[in-house]
Amino acid sequence: MTETSQPFQTYDVAVIGGGPAGLAAAIALADTGARVALVARRQAYADNRTTALLGGSTAFLDRLDVWRRCADQSAALTTMRLVDDTHRLIRAPEVKFTSQEIGLDAFGHNIANRDLMVALEARADELSNLARIDDDAESIVPDESQASVRTRQGQALSARLIVGADGRQSLCRDAAGIEVKSRRLDQAALTFNIGVSRPHRNTSTEFHTPQGPCVIVPLPGQRCSVVWVASPNEAARLMALDDDQLSAANEKQMHSILGRVEVEPGRHLFPLAIEEPRQVAKNRIVLVGEAAHVIPPIGAQGLNMGLRDAADIAGIVGTAMSSGEDIGAAVVLARFEKARRSDISSRTFAIDMANRSLLSDLLPVQLLRGVGMQLMGSVGPLRRLAMREGLAPSWRRSALGKRDLPGL
């Protein structure tokens, strides 16, 4: 993958945006034989956030020859606990999910985003038909036969298909004329990593509080990542604490289940929202990652959905190319829309409802939530169904790891 001098300026696909979803899409598309341009500045990934990659995602990354490069920097997730810590009149019982119950060694693996990015970049560099335009896109203009892209430094290129992986403020989405439904939540998420004095035993624990979940996810060694969702004011207060104070507050929230907590340097605070475009494909442009869906950090769905976006567009493009179709034609884009719409809508709805039920002070809602948790905890078939659906929708007929996940 070259930096700025490419052997061609007309491509089959141009991927705009170089985050994990964009890089994965570019690699997967190049694997189909398509000539791909990745338009994104190459820069150090300073964020210390992590991602819980579920089994289908790691299988997809393995087939892209990415996962072997970073697997040893991840921690397996074999047990997931949901703990009602609301202290309300009606509380749900604790629910525990184990991967062995559905025939898996692990639900997935938690990895630092920067380690995943290094592996993706290394694989992308090896692909001769994947050209890197080390710049940001400034304008995108689709027409009947192709889409034209101009970068901030004035480089011009064209492609039959644009893959918009350029995040929440998507230039690609605007260029396609796609409207987005957006709702700001009265919540913010504080993320940081911790060292703990007791082994985590590859168990992820999600404490449900009246303001949102506090999720503790294993990392290699005696370390964990934390996503602490709270009201904006409370999240800002926690953000302002020094390391010792935040360590004590987090240990208290965790009920000392992992012993002494020591907060590591680096933390991030960001407001939460739900965003869902009315379409994910239009005018020679398809959307992936946060350009296509923004949801709260509940249930480890965000990047896993983005990788399913990447897998689906690569599969659709590969099939279209083999049959001689125009990969940016409306009929091809309609296949991507159909493939992704149910997954995005159902996941967004489920996470929104789970979040609303947690925040609600209404006794009927609390009762309904408690009954649902009780059923999942005590009824084996329902619990196993919940685990399988959490990993990937059972109705999917995608290349995203289906053959590697029993029952999916």
Protein backbone atom coordinates (compact mmCIF):
# COMPACT_ATOMS: atom_id res chain seq x y z
CA MET A 1 0.00 0.00 0.00
CA THR A 2 1.62 3.24 -1.13
CA GLU A 3 1.31 6.65 0.46
CA THR A 4 0.76 9.28 -2.21
CA SER A 5 2.01 8.00 -5.59
CA GLN A 6 -0.51 5.50 -6.91
CA PRO A 7 -0.32 3.74 -10.29
CA PHE A 8 -3.91 4.73 -11.03
CA GLN A 9 -6.23 7.57 -10.07
CA THR A 10 -9.45 5.78 -10.96
CA TYR A 11 -10.46 3.03 -8.56
CA ASP A 12 -13.20 0.51 -8.11
CA VAL A 13 -13.78 1.63 -4.51
CA ALA A 14 -12.66 4.57 -2.41
CA VAL A 15 -12.92 4.13 1.36
CA ILE A 16 -13.13 7.45 3.21
CA GLY A 17 -11.95 7.21 6.82
CA GLY A 18 -9.17 5.19 8.43
CA GLY A 19 -10.59 4.00 11.74
CA PRO A 20 -10.98 0.28 12.52
CA ALA A 21 -14.19 -0.11 10.48
CA GLY A 22 -12.74 1.78 7.50
CA LEU A 23 -9.47 -0.15 7.51
CA ALA A 24 -11.29 -3.48 7.81
CA ALA A 25 -13.59 -2.52 4.93
CA ALA A 26 -10.64 -1.47 2.75
CA ILE A 27 -8.77 -4.73 3.42
CA ALA A 28 -11.86 -6.89 2.85
CA LEU A 29 -12.66 -5.07 -0.40
CA ALA A 30 -9.08 -5.40 -1.62
CA ASP A 31 -9.29 -9.13 -0.89
CA THR A 32 -12.07 -9.37 -3.49
CA GLY A 33 -9.62 -8.17 -6.15
CA ALA A 34 -11.07 -4.67 -6.32
CA ARG A 35 -8.73 -1.70 -6.80
CA VAL A 36 -9.21 0.23 -3.57
CA ALA A 37 -8.11 3.66 -2.39
CA LEU A 38 -8.12 4.40 1.34
CA VAL A 39 -8.42 8.15 1.88
CA ALA A 40 -7.39 8.90 5.46
CA ARG A 41 -4.53 10.57 7.23
CA ARG A 42 -2.08 8.15 8.80
CA GLN A 43 -1.62 9.25 12.39
CA ALA A 44 -0.74 7.78 15.76
CA TYR A 45 -3.73 6.29 17.55
CA ALA A 46 -3.46 7.97 20.94
CA ASP A 47 -6.78 6.76 22.37
CA ASN A 48 -6.44 4.12 25.11
CA ARG A 49 -10.01 2.83 24.73
CA THR A 50 -10.63 -0.85 24.12
CA THR A 51 -13.13 -2.92 22.14
CA ALA A 52 -14.73 -6.24 23.04
CA LEU A 53 -14.59 -8.07 19.72
CA LEU A 54 -17.21 -10.80 19.68
CA GLY A 55 -16.51 -14.18 18.11
CA GLY A 56 -17.80 -13.39 14.64
CA SER A 57 -15.63 -10.28 14.49
CA THR A 58 -12.45 -12.12 15.41
CA ALA A 59 -13.29 -14.81 12.82
CA PHE A 60 -13.71 -12.08 10.19
CA LEU A 61 -10.41 -10.45 11.19
CA ASP A 62 -8.75 -13.86 11.09
CA ARG A 63 -9.88 -14.38 7.50
CA LEU A 64 -8.43 -10.95 6.66
CA ASP A 65 -5.09 -12.15 8.12
CA VAL A 66 -5.32 -9.48 10.82
CA TRP A 67 -6.21 -11.30 14.02
CA ARG A 68 -3.01 -13.36 14.28
CA ARG A 69 -1.08 -10.09 14.49
CA CYS A 70 -2.80 -8.88 17.67
CA ALA A 71 -4.54 -11.86 19.29
CA ASP A 72 -1.89 -12.22 21.99
CA GLN A 73 -2.54 -8.64 23.09
CA SER A 74 -6.17 -9.40 23.90
CA ALA A 75 -8.02 -11.03 26.80
CA ALA A 76 -10.61 -13.74 26.26
CA LEU A 77 -14.15 -13.12 27.52
CA THR A 78 -15.55 -16.39 28.85
CA THR A 79 -18.08 -15.15 31.41
CA MET A 80 -20.39 -12.14 31.45
CA ARG A 81 -22.24 -11.00 34.57
CA LEU A 82 -25.12 -8.53 34.76
CA VAL A 83 -25.58 -7.08 38.25
CA ASP A 84 -28.51 -4.84 39.25
CA ASP A 85 -26.93 -2.14 41.42
CA THR A 86 -29.83 0.32 41.30
CA HIS A 87 -30.90 -0.15 44.94
CA ARG A 88 -34.49 0.30 43.82
CA LEU A 89 -37.56 -1.34 45.32
CA ILE A 90 -37.70 -3.81 42.44
CA ARG A 91 -34.31 -5.19 41.50
CA ALA A 92 -33.42 -7.73 38.88
CA PRO A 93 -31.50 -10.86 39.90
CA GLU A 94 -27.91 -11.30 38.81
CA VAL A 95 -27.54 -13.05 35.46
CA LYS A 96 -24.41 -14.93 34.44
CA PHE A 97 -23.59 -16.05 30.91
CA THR A 98 -20.80 -18.56 30.18
CA SER A 99 -19.44 -19.22 26.72
CA GLN A 100 -19.11 -22.96 27.34
CA GLU A 101 -22.89 -23.21 27.61
CA ILE A 102 -23.20 -22.50 23.88
CA GLY A 103 -20.15 -24.50 22.89
CA LEU A 104 -17.60 -21.67 22.63
CA ASP A 105 -14.22 -21.26 24.28
CA ALA A 106 -14.95 -17.53 24.60
CA PHE A 107 -17.59 -15.00 23.60
CA GLY A 108 -14.84 -12.86 22.16
CA HIS A 109 -11.74 -10.91 23.10
CA ASN A 110 -11.11 -7.45 24.56
CA ILE A 111 -8.28 -5.53 22.93
CA ALA A 112 -6.88 -2.02 23.00
CA ASN A 113 -8.01 -0.12 19.92
CA ARG A 114 -4.45 1.02 19.23
CA ASP A 115 -3.22 -2.60 19.09
CA LEU A 116 -6.02 -3.51 16.70
CA MET A 117 -5.17 -0.50 14.54
CA VAL A 118 -1.50 -1.48 14.32
CA ALA A 119 -2.51 -4.94 13.09
CA LEU A 120 -4.96 -3.53 10.54
CA GLU A 121 -2.41 -1.02 9.23
CA ALA A 122 0.23 -3.74 8.91
CA ARG A 123 -2.08 -5.94 6.84
CA ALA A 124 -3.20 -3.02 4.67
CA ASP A 125 0.42 -2.16 3.89
CA GLU A 126 0.89 -5.60 2.32
CA LEU A 127 -1.88 -5.28 -0.30
CA SER A 128 -0.66 -4.06 -3.68
CA ASN A 129 -4.18 -3.20 -4.88
CA LEU A 130 -4.89 -1.03 -1.81
CA ALA A 131 -3.53 2.50 -2.25
CA ARG A 132 -3.24 4.88 0.70
CA ILE A 133 -4.07 8.53 0.13
CA ASP A 134 -2.56 10.09 3.24
CA ASP A 135 -4.97 13.00 3.44
CA ASP A 136 -8.54 13.89 4.42
CA ALA A 137 -11.34 14.08 1.89
CA GLU A 138 -12.60 17.60 1.32
CA SER A 139 -15.34 17.01 -1.24
CA ILE A 140 -17.23 14.06 -2.69
CA VAL A 141 -19.43 14.44 -5.76
CA PRO A 142 -21.34 11.38 -7.03
CA ASP A 143 -22.82 11.22 -10.53
CA GLU A 144 -24.42 8.56 -12.72
CA SER A 145 -21.23 6.66 -13.55
CA GLN A 146 -18.79 7.36 -10.69
CA ALA A 147 -18.02 9.54 -7.70
CA SER A 148 -15.25 12.13 -7.61
CA VAL A 149 -13.17 12.80 -4.50
CA ARG A 150 -10.88 15.73 -3.82
CA THR A 151 -8.62 15.83 -0.78
CA ARG A 152 -7.64 18.82 1.31
CA GLN A 153 -4.22 18.91 -0.35
CA GLY A 154 -5.83 18.95 -3.78
CA GLN A 155 -5.43 15.35 -4.89
CA ALA A 156 -8.27 14.13 -7.12
CA LEU A 157 -9.51 10.60 -7.70
CA SER A 158 -12.66 8.83 -8.77
CA ALA A 159 -14.31 5.51 -7.96
CA ARG A 160 -17.40 3.59 -8.91
CA LEU A 161 -18.27 3.15 -5.23
CA ILE A 162 -17.56 5.22 -2.12
CA VAL A 163 -17.50 3.57 1.31
CA GLY A 164 -18.10 6.22 3.96
CA ALA A 165 -16.28 5.25 7.16
CA ASP A 166 -15.80 8.84 8.25
CA GLY A 167 -17.64 8.85 11.55
CA ARG A 168 -20.46 10.81 13.12
CA GLN A 169 -19.91 14.00 11.11
CA SER A 170 -19.82 12.07 7.87
CA LEU A 171 -18.92 14.01 4.72
CA CYS A 172 -19.92 10.93 2.72
CA ARG A 173 -23.38 10.85 4.29
CA ASP A 174 -23.92 14.49 3.41
CA ALA A 175 -22.66 13.93 -0.15
CA ALA A 176 -25.13 11.07 -0.60
CA GLY A 177 -28.00 13.26 0.62
CA ILE A 178 -28.84 10.89 3.47
CA GLU A 179 -30.74 12.27 6.44
CA VAL A 180 -29.97 11.03 9.93
CA LYS A 181 -32.21 10.63 12.97
CA SER A 182 -30.28 11.82 16.00
CA ARG A 183 -31.14 11.95 19.68
CA ARG A 184 -28.80 13.15 22.38
CA LEU A 185 -29.00 11.14 25.59
CA ASP A 186 -28.79 12.68 29.04
CA GLN A 187 -25.76 10.52 29.69
CA ALA A 188 -22.01 10.55 29.18
CA ALA A 189 -19.42 7.79 29.23
CA LEU A 190 -16.11 7.93 31.06
CA THR A 191 -13.54 5.41 29.84
CA PHE A 192 -10.25 4.43 31.44
CA ASN A 193 -8.15 1.37 32.26
CA ILE A 194 -7.31 -0.06 35.66
CA GLY A 195 -4.96 -2.47 37.38
CA VAL A 196 -6.56 -4.81 39.92
CA SER A 197 -5.16 -6.92 42.75
CA ARG A 198 -7.28 -10.03 42.12
CA PRO A 199 -7.48 -12.13 38.93
CA HIS A 200 -10.42 -11.20 36.71
CA ARG A 201 -10.73 -14.81 35.47
CA ASN A 202 -11.79 -13.55 32.04
CA THR A 203 -15.10 -12.34 33.46
CA SER A 204 -16.77 -9.15 32.26
CA THR A 205 -19.10 -7.56 34.83
CA GLU A 206 -21.75 -4.98 34.04
CA PHE A 207 -23.10 -3.08 37.05
CA HIS A 208 -26.46 -1.49 36.31
CA THR A 209 -26.87 1.81 38.15
CA PRO A 210 -29.75 4.32 38.05
CA GLN A 211 -27.70 6.50 35.68
CA GLY A 212 -26.42 3.78 33.35
CA PRO A 213 -24.09 0.78 33.29
CA CYS A 214 -20.56 0.60 34.66
CA VAL A 215 -18.82 -2.15 32.70
CA ILE A 216 -15.58 -3.82 33.76
CA VAL A 217 -13.97 -5.80 30.92
CA PRO A 218 -10.81 -7.96 31.22
CA LEU A 219 -7.51 -7.03 29.60
CA PRO A 220 -4.32 -9.12 29.53
CA GLY A 221 -2.80 -9.65 32.96
CA GLN A 222 -4.47 -8.19 36.04
CA ARG A 223 -5.88 -5.26 34.13
CA CYS A 224 -9.35 -4.24 32.97
CA SER A 225 -10.98 -1.55 30.88
CA VAL A 226 -13.85 0.47 32.33
CA VAL A 227 -16.78 2.15 30.60
CA TRP A 228 -18.70 4.11 33.25
CA VAL A 229 -21.96 5.64 32.00
CA ALA A 230 -23.56 8.31 34.18
CA SER A 231 -25.39 11.62 33.97
CA PRO A 232 -23.31 14.35 32.31
CA ASN A 233 -22.77 16.13 35.64
CA GLU A 234 -21.74 12.97 37.48
CA ALA A 235 -19.48 11.88 34.64
CA ALA A 236 -17.81 15.31 34.64
CA ARG A 237 -17.32 15.05 38.41
CA LEU A 238 -15.68 11.66 38.06
CA MET A 239 -13.51 12.95 35.22
CA ALA A 240 -12.24 15.76 37.47
CA LEU A 241 -11.08 13.40 40.25
CA ASP A 242 -7.39 12.67 40.59
CA ASP A 243 -6.18 9.12 40.00
CA ASP A 244 -6.36 8.07 43.66
CA GLN A 245 -9.86 9.48 44.06
CA LEU A 246 -11.12 7.86 40.87
CA SER A 247 -9.51 4.56 41.88
CA ALA A 248 -11.38 4.65 45.19
CA ALA A 249 -14.66 5.61 43.52
CA ASN A 250 -14.34 2.84 40.93
CA GLU A 251 -13.42 0.23 43.53
CA LYS A 252 -16.51 1.21 45.52
CA GLN A 253 -18.71 0.97 42.41
CA MET A 254 -17.23 -2.46 41.71
CA HIS A 255 -17.91 -3.56 45.32
CA SER A 256 -14.22 -4.54 45.47
CA ILE A 257 -14.86 -7.71 43.47
CA LEU A 258 -11.34 -7.45 42.00
CA GLY A 259 -9.69 -6.11 45.12
CA ARG A 260 -7.65 -2.95 45.04
CA VAL A 261 -8.11 -0.74 41.96
CA GLU A 262 -5.42 1.51 40.49
CA VAL A 263 -6.44 3.81 37.65
CA GLU A 264 -3.95 3.96 34.79
CA PRO A 265 -3.03 7.24 33.02
CA GLY A 266 -5.38 8.40 30.29
CA ARG A 267 -9.13 8.78 30.45
CA HIS A 268 -11.78 9.98 28.03
CA LEU A 269 -15.23 11.51 28.46
CA PHE A 270 -17.80 11.73 25.67
CA PRO A 271 -21.53 12.46 25.46
CA LEU A 272 -23.86 9.67 24.37
CA ALA A 273 -26.35 9.75 21.53
CA ILE A 274 -28.32 7.49 19.27
CA GLU A 275 -27.96 8.19 15.56
CA GLU A 276 -29.48 6.17 12.75
CA PRO A 277 -29.40 7.32 9.12
CA ARG A 278 -32.63 6.85 7.19
CA GLN A 279 -30.57 4.94 4.58
CA VAL A 280 -27.12 3.40 4.54
CA ALA A 281 -26.72 3.36 0.75
CA LYS A 282 -27.53 6.02 -1.84
CA ASN A 283 -25.95 7.74 -4.85
CA ARG A 284 -22.90 5.42 -5.17
CA ILE A 285 -22.16 5.79 -1.46
CA VAL A 286 -22.54 3.24 1.34
CA LEU A 287 -22.03 3.95 5.02
CA VAL A 288 -20.16 1.81 7.55
CA GLY A 289 -19.20 2.20 11.19
CA GLU A 290 -20.32 5.31 13.05
CA ALA A 291 -21.35 6.96 9.80
CA ALA A 292 -24.07 4.28 9.69
CA HIS A 293 -24.98 3.89 13.38
CA VAL A 294 -24.19 5.46 16.74
CA ILE A 295 -25.39 3.68 19.88
CA PRO A 296 -24.56 3.76 23.60
CA PRO A 297 -21.67 1.50 24.72
CA ILE A 298 -23.98 -1.28 25.93
CA GLY A 299 -23.57 -4.93 24.98
CA ALA A 300 -20.34 -4.42 22.99
CA GLN A 301 -22.22 -3.78 19.75
CA GLY A 302 -20.65 -0.66 18.19
CA LEU A 303 -17.49 -1.80 16.36
CA ASN A 304 -18.86 -5.33 15.98
CA MET A 305 -21.68 -3.84 13.91
CA GLY A 306 -19.10 -1.84 11.96
CA LEU A 307 -17.19 -5.00 11.11
CA ARG A 308 -20.42 -6.62 9.92
CA ASP A 309 -20.88 -3.55 7.69
CA ALA A 310 -17.40 -4.14 6.29
CA ALA A 311 -17.97 -7.86 5.75
CA ASP A 312 -21.28 -7.29 4.00
CA ILE A 313 -20.12 -4.60 1.58
CA ALA A 314 -17.07 -6.69 0.65
CA GLY A 315 -19.24 -9.75 0.03
CA ILE A 316 -21.71 -7.77 -2.07
CA VAL A 317 -18.97 -6.07 -4.10
CA GLY A 318 -17.19 -9.37 -4.70
CA THR A 319 -20.36 -10.99 -6.02
CA ALA A 320 -21.20 -7.98 -8.19
CA MET A 321 -17.71 -7.87 -9.71
CA SER A 322 -17.77 -11.58 -10.51
CA SER A 323 -20.99 -11.12 -12.46
CA GLY A 324 -19.78 -8.01 -14.27
CA GLU A 325 -22.14 -5.56 -12.54
CA ASP A 326 -21.45 -1.90 -11.84
CA ILE A 327 -20.58 -2.08 -8.13
CA GLY A 328 -21.94 1.41 -7.52
CA ALA A 329 -25.26 0.85 -9.28
CA ALA A 330 -28.51 1.35 -7.41
CA VAL A 331 -29.38 -2.35 -7.57
CA VAL A 332 -26.09 -3.28 -5.86
CA LEU A 333 -26.50 -0.58 -3.22
CA ALA A 334 -30.01 -1.90 -2.54
CA ARG A 335 -28.48 -5.26 -1.56
CA PHE A 336 -26.30 -3.56 1.04
CA GLU A 337 -29.29 -1.60 2.35
CA LYS A 338 -31.26 -4.82 2.70
CA ALA A 339 -28.36 -6.69 4.29
CA ARG A 340 -27.69 -4.05 6.94
CA ARG A 341 -31.05 -2.46 7.72
CA SER A 342 -32.51 -5.17 9.96
CA ASP A 343 -29.28 -5.62 11.92
CA ILE A 344 -28.81 -1.89 12.53
CA SER A 345 -32.46 -1.19 13.36
CA SER A 346 -32.91 -4.18 15.65
CA ARG A 347 -29.67 -3.57 17.56
CA THR A 348 -30.36 0.14 17.94
CA PHE A 349 -33.88 -0.54 19.21
CA ALA A 350 -32.78 -3.26 21.64
CA ILE A 351 -29.99 -1.16 23.14
CA ASP A 352 -32.22 1.90 23.37
CA MET A 353 -34.92 -0.09 25.19
CA ALA A 354 -32.40 -1.70 27.55
CA ASN A 355 -30.99 1.73 28.39
CA ARG A 356 -34.44 3.27 28.88
CA SER A 357 -35.55 0.43 31.14
CA LEU A 358 -32.48 0.92 33.30
CA LEU A 359 -33.08 4.66 33.69
CA SER A 360 -36.83 4.48 34.28
CA ASP A 361 -38.25 5.14 37.76
CA LEU A 362 -41.62 3.66 36.78
CA LEU A 363 -42.43 0.55 38.84
CA PRO A 364 -44.09 -1.32 35.92
CA VAL A 365 -40.95 -0.83 33.81
CA GLN A 366 -38.72 -1.98 36.67
CA LEU A 367 -40.97 -5.01 37.19
CA LEU A 368 -40.86 -5.91 33.49
CA ARG A 369 -37.09 -5.57 33.44
CA GLY A 370 -36.76 -7.69 36.58
CA VAL A 371 -38.97 -10.44 35.16
CA GLY A 372 -37.01 -10.45 31.92
CA MET A 373 -33.69 -10.78 33.77
CA GLN A 374 -35.15 -13.51 35.97
CA LEU A 375 -36.26 -15.48 32.93
CA MET A 376 -32.87 -15.14 31.23
CA GLY A 377 -31.12 -16.27 34.38
CA SER A 378 -33.33 -19.27 35.11
CA VAL A 379 -34.58 -20.54 31.73
CA GLY A 380 -31.73 -22.28 29.91
CA PRO A 381 -33.06 -22.12 26.33
CA LEU A 382 -33.88 -18.41 26.70
CA ARG A 383 -30.48 -17.67 28.20
CA ARG A 384 -28.71 -19.52 25.37
CA LEU A 385 -30.83 -17.70 22.79
CA ALA A 386 -29.88 -14.36 24.37
CA MET A 387 -26.20 -15.29 24.23
CA ARG A 388 -26.33 -16.32 20.58
CA GLU A 389 -28.31 -13.26 19.54
CA GLY A 390 -25.89 -11.04 21.44
CA LEU A 391 -23.01 -12.41 19.39
CA ALA A 392 -24.67 -12.06 15.99
CA PRO A 393 -28.22 -12.08 14.60
CA SER A 394 -29.31 -15.65 13.95
CA TRP A 395 -30.88 -14.71 10.60
CA ARG A 396 -27.69 -13.31 9.11
CA ARG A 397 -26.38 -14.99 5.97
CA SER A 398 -23.08 -13.14 5.93
CA ALA A 399 -19.46 -14.17 5.80
CA LEU A 400 -18.93 -12.68 9.26
CA GLY A 401 -17.84 -15.76 11.11
CA LYS A 402 -21.03 -17.78 10.74
CA ARG A 403 -19.26 -21.07 10.24
CA ASP A 404 -17.05 -20.40 13.28
CA LEU A 405 -19.91 -19.84 15.71
CA PRO A 406 -22.03 -22.87 16.52
CA GLY A 407 -25.72 -22.13 16.18
CA LEU A 408 -25.29 -18.68 14.61
